N, C-alpha and C. Protein backbone atom coordinates (compact mmCIF):
# COMPACT_ATOMS: atom_id res chain seq x y z
N UNK A 1 -3.66 -54.06 13.90
CA UNK A 1 -2.70 -52.98 14.00
C UNK A 1 -2.46 -52.46 15.75
N UNK A 2 -1.58 -52.75 16.30
CA UNK A 2 -1.66 -52.07 17.24
C UNK A 2 -1.13 -50.83 16.97
N UNK A 3 -2.02 -50.85 18.56
CA UNK A 3 -1.30 -48.88 18.68
C UNK A 3 -0.19 -48.76 18.92
N UNK A 4 0.54 -48.83 18.99
CA UNK A 4 2.17 -48.37 19.10
C UNK A 4 3.01 -49.89 18.17
N UNK A 5 3.95 -49.46 17.42
CA UNK A 5 4.52 -50.42 16.53
C UNK A 5 5.79 -51.04 17.65
N UNK A 6 6.30 -52.05 18.07
CA UNK A 6 7.68 -52.56 18.45
C UNK A 6 8.62 -52.77 17.05
N UNK A 7 9.79 -52.29 17.21
CA UNK A 7 10.74 -52.93 15.74
C UNK A 7 10.86 -53.58 15.70
N UNK A 8 10.87 -55.22 16.00
CA UNK A 8 11.17 -55.92 16.24
C UNK A 8 10.78 -56.47 14.60
N UNK A 9 11.41 -57.39 13.67
CA UNK A 9 10.95 -57.68 12.32
C UNK A 9 9.79 -58.02 11.96
N UNK A 10 9.29 -59.26 12.76
CA UNK A 10 8.49 -59.80 12.85
C UNK A 10 7.23 -59.08 13.58
N UNK A 11 7.14 -58.11 14.53
CA UNK A 11 6.16 -57.35 14.64
C UNK A 11 5.91 -55.69 13.30
N UNK A 12 6.70 -55.63 12.40
CA UNK A 12 7.04 -54.89 11.46
C UNK A 12 5.72 -55.51 10.24
N UNK A 13 5.55 -56.58 10.27
CA UNK A 13 4.88 -57.57 9.25
C UNK A 13 3.50 -56.43 8.69
N UNK A 14 2.47 -55.92 10.14
CA UNK A 14 1.33 -55.03 10.52
C UNK A 14 1.05 -53.84 9.18
N UNK A 15 2.33 -53.60 9.46
CA UNK A 15 2.64 -52.31 8.43
C UNK A 15 3.30 -52.25 7.19
N UNK A 16 3.49 -53.69 6.84
CA UNK A 16 3.98 -53.66 5.34
C UNK A 16 2.24 -54.04 4.97
N UNK A 17 1.32 -54.82 5.57
CA UNK A 17 0.32 -55.37 5.30
C UNK A 17 -0.66 -53.90 4.59
N UNK A 18 -0.32 -52.90 6.09
CA UNK A 18 -1.06 -51.31 5.67
C UNK A 18 -0.74 -51.03 4.08
N UNK A 19 0.90 -50.92 4.23
CA UNK A 19 1.34 -50.39 3.03
C UNK A 19 0.90 -50.79 1.88
N UNK A 20 0.97 -52.11 1.86
CA UNK A 20 0.09 -53.09 0.73
C UNK A 20 -1.84 -52.65 0.71
N UNK A 21 -2.36 -53.05 1.65
CA UNK A 21 -3.46 -52.53 1.52
C UNK A 21 -3.39 -50.80 0.89
N UNK A 22 -3.35 -50.30 1.54
CA UNK A 22 -3.23 -48.74 0.95
C UNK A 22 -2.91 -48.66 -0.65
N UNK A 23 -2.15 -49.15 -0.71
CA UNK A 23 -1.46 -49.52 -1.96
C UNK A 23 -2.93 -50.09 -3.42
N UNK A 24 -2.75 -51.07 -3.24
CA UNK A 24 -4.21 -51.81 -3.86
C UNK A 24 -5.37 -51.81 -3.55
N UNK A 25 -5.67 -51.49 -2.00
CA UNK A 25 -7.53 -51.14 -2.35
C UNK A 25 -7.60 -48.96 -2.66
N UNK A 26 -6.59 -48.40 -2.25
CA UNK A 26 -6.49 -47.08 -2.58
C UNK A 26 -7.58 -46.96 -1.30
N UNK A 27 -7.16 -46.40 -0.79
CA UNK A 27 -7.87 -45.74 0.39
C UNK A 27 -7.95 -46.67 1.64
N UNK A 28 -7.53 -47.57 1.42
CA UNK A 28 -7.68 -48.98 2.51
C UNK A 28 -6.95 -48.50 3.64
N UNK A 29 -6.71 -49.02 4.52
CA UNK A 29 -6.28 -48.84 6.00
C UNK A 29 -6.36 -49.99 6.83
N UNK A 30 -5.23 -49.83 7.76
CA UNK A 30 -5.17 -50.92 9.49
C UNK A 30 -6.18 -50.44 10.50
N UNK A 31 -6.71 -50.57 11.17
CA UNK A 31 -6.83 -49.88 12.48
C UNK A 31 -6.60 -50.53 13.82
N UNK A 32 -6.77 -50.30 14.89
CA UNK A 32 -6.73 -50.79 15.95
C UNK A 32 -7.84 -50.78 16.44
N UNK A 33 -7.68 -51.63 17.56
CA UNK A 33 -8.72 -52.24 18.39
C UNK A 33 -9.55 -51.27 19.18
N UNK A 34 -8.85 -50.23 19.49
CA UNK A 34 -10.13 -49.15 19.57
C UNK A 34 -10.80 -48.40 18.22
N UNK A 35 -10.50 -48.42 17.21
CA UNK A 35 -10.86 -48.05 16.16
C UNK A 35 -12.10 -48.74 15.62
N UNK A 36 -11.39 -50.05 15.92
CA UNK A 36 -12.91 -50.90 15.38
C UNK A 36 -13.93 -51.07 16.16
N UNK A 37 -13.66 -50.27 17.55
CA UNK A 37 -14.59 -50.73 18.90
C UNK A 37 -15.59 -49.26 18.46
N UNK A 38 -14.91 -48.20 17.96
CA UNK A 38 -16.17 -47.05 17.82
C UNK A 38 -16.52 -47.37 16.19
N UNK A 39 -15.90 -48.11 15.16
CA UNK A 39 -16.82 -48.26 13.78
C UNK A 39 -17.84 -49.23 14.32
N UNK A 40 -17.66 -50.46 15.40
CA UNK A 40 -19.21 -51.36 15.62
C UNK A 40 -19.81 -50.66 16.28
N UNK A 41 -19.44 -49.75 17.56
CA UNK A 41 -21.05 -48.53 18.11
C UNK A 41 -21.40 -47.93 17.17
N UNK A 42 -20.68 -47.45 16.05
CA UNK A 42 -21.58 -46.41 15.52
C UNK A 42 -22.30 -47.56 14.18
N UNK A 43 -22.09 -48.91 14.27
CA UNK A 43 -23.16 -49.49 13.24
C UNK A 43 -24.08 -50.32 14.00
N UNK A 44 -24.44 -50.25 15.87
CA UNK A 44 -25.27 -51.03 16.37
C UNK A 44 -24.62 -52.51 16.81
N UNK A 45 -23.03 -52.17 16.76
CA UNK A 45 -22.45 -53.79 17.09
C UNK A 45 -21.30 -53.43 18.47
N UNK A 46 -21.29 -54.68 18.78
CA UNK A 46 -20.05 -54.08 19.93
C UNK A 46 -18.58 -55.15 19.95
N UNK A 47 -17.66 -54.33 20.10
CA UNK A 47 -16.56 -55.78 19.57
C UNK A 47 -16.29 -56.46 20.42
N UNK A 48 -16.55 -57.73 20.24
CA UNK A 48 -16.87 -59.26 21.37
C UNK A 48 -15.07 -59.62 21.54
N UNK A 49 -14.15 -59.37 20.80
CA UNK A 49 -12.84 -59.72 20.66
C UNK A 49 -12.08 -60.00 19.57
N UNK A 50 -10.53 -59.71 19.34
CA UNK A 50 -9.82 -59.50 18.49
C UNK A 50 -9.37 -60.74 18.84
N UNK A 51 -9.06 -62.13 17.47
CA UNK A 51 -8.42 -63.39 17.98
C UNK A 51 -7.27 -63.00 17.11
N UNK A 52 -5.41 -63.28 17.54
CA UNK A 52 -4.89 -62.97 16.50
C UNK A 52 -4.81 -64.23 16.31
N UNK A 53 -4.45 -64.64 14.75
CA UNK A 53 -4.93 -65.98 14.07
C UNK A 53 -3.05 -66.72 14.13
N UNK A 54 -3.40 -68.41 14.42
CA UNK A 54 -2.21 -68.51 14.29
C UNK A 54 -1.16 -68.68 13.74
N UNK A 55 0.07 -68.47 13.46
CA UNK A 55 0.78 -68.24 12.15
C UNK A 55 0.68 -67.49 11.21
N UNK A 56 0.35 -66.69 11.13
CA UNK A 56 -0.21 -65.46 10.42
C UNK A 56 0.23 -64.10 11.47
N UNK A 57 1.30 -63.29 11.44
CA UNK A 57 1.66 -62.78 12.15
C UNK A 57 0.80 -61.67 11.77
N UNK A 58 0.35 -60.33 12.13
CA UNK A 58 -0.35 -59.24 12.53
C UNK A 58 -1.57 -59.28 11.28
N UNK A 59 -1.98 -60.40 11.50
CA UNK A 59 -3.26 -60.63 10.79
C UNK A 59 -4.40 -61.38 12.00
N UNK A 60 -5.62 -61.06 12.59
CA UNK A 60 -6.12 -61.56 13.19
C UNK A 60 -7.98 -61.01 12.64
N UNK A 61 -8.24 -62.24 13.42
CA UNK A 61 -10.20 -62.43 13.48
C UNK A 61 -10.85 -61.35 14.23
N UNK A 62 -11.93 -60.36 13.66
CA UNK A 62 -12.21 -59.27 14.84
C UNK A 62 -13.97 -59.75 14.59
N UNK A 63 -14.09 -59.99 15.73
CA UNK A 63 -15.53 -60.25 16.23
C UNK A 63 -16.78 -59.84 16.96
N UNK A 64 -17.45 -59.47 16.29
CA UNK A 64 -18.27 -58.23 16.45
C UNK A 64 -19.64 -59.00 16.71
N UNK A 65 -20.69 -58.33 17.78
CA UNK A 65 -22.01 -58.94 18.56
C UNK A 65 -22.95 -57.83 18.43
N UNK A 66 -24.16 -58.02 17.99
CA UNK A 66 -24.65 -56.98 17.74
C UNK A 66 -24.89 -56.13 19.92
N UNK A 67 -25.24 -55.09 19.81
CA UNK A 67 -25.21 -54.11 20.85
C UNK A 67 -26.30 -54.60 21.60
């Protein structure tokens, strides 16, 4: 999830995923890159990179490595 949303329709898809996640998983949520960095650090990992998946708007692969 980007830290700030762009108003274009193709960038609103992450918000729709967030709503769906919260509805289906009851308490699930999207996180920004900074939030993932904090989460990884709390578990002894470091956020290596976030790679947007081609053709999947708003979906990314998040890579962590041992700190």
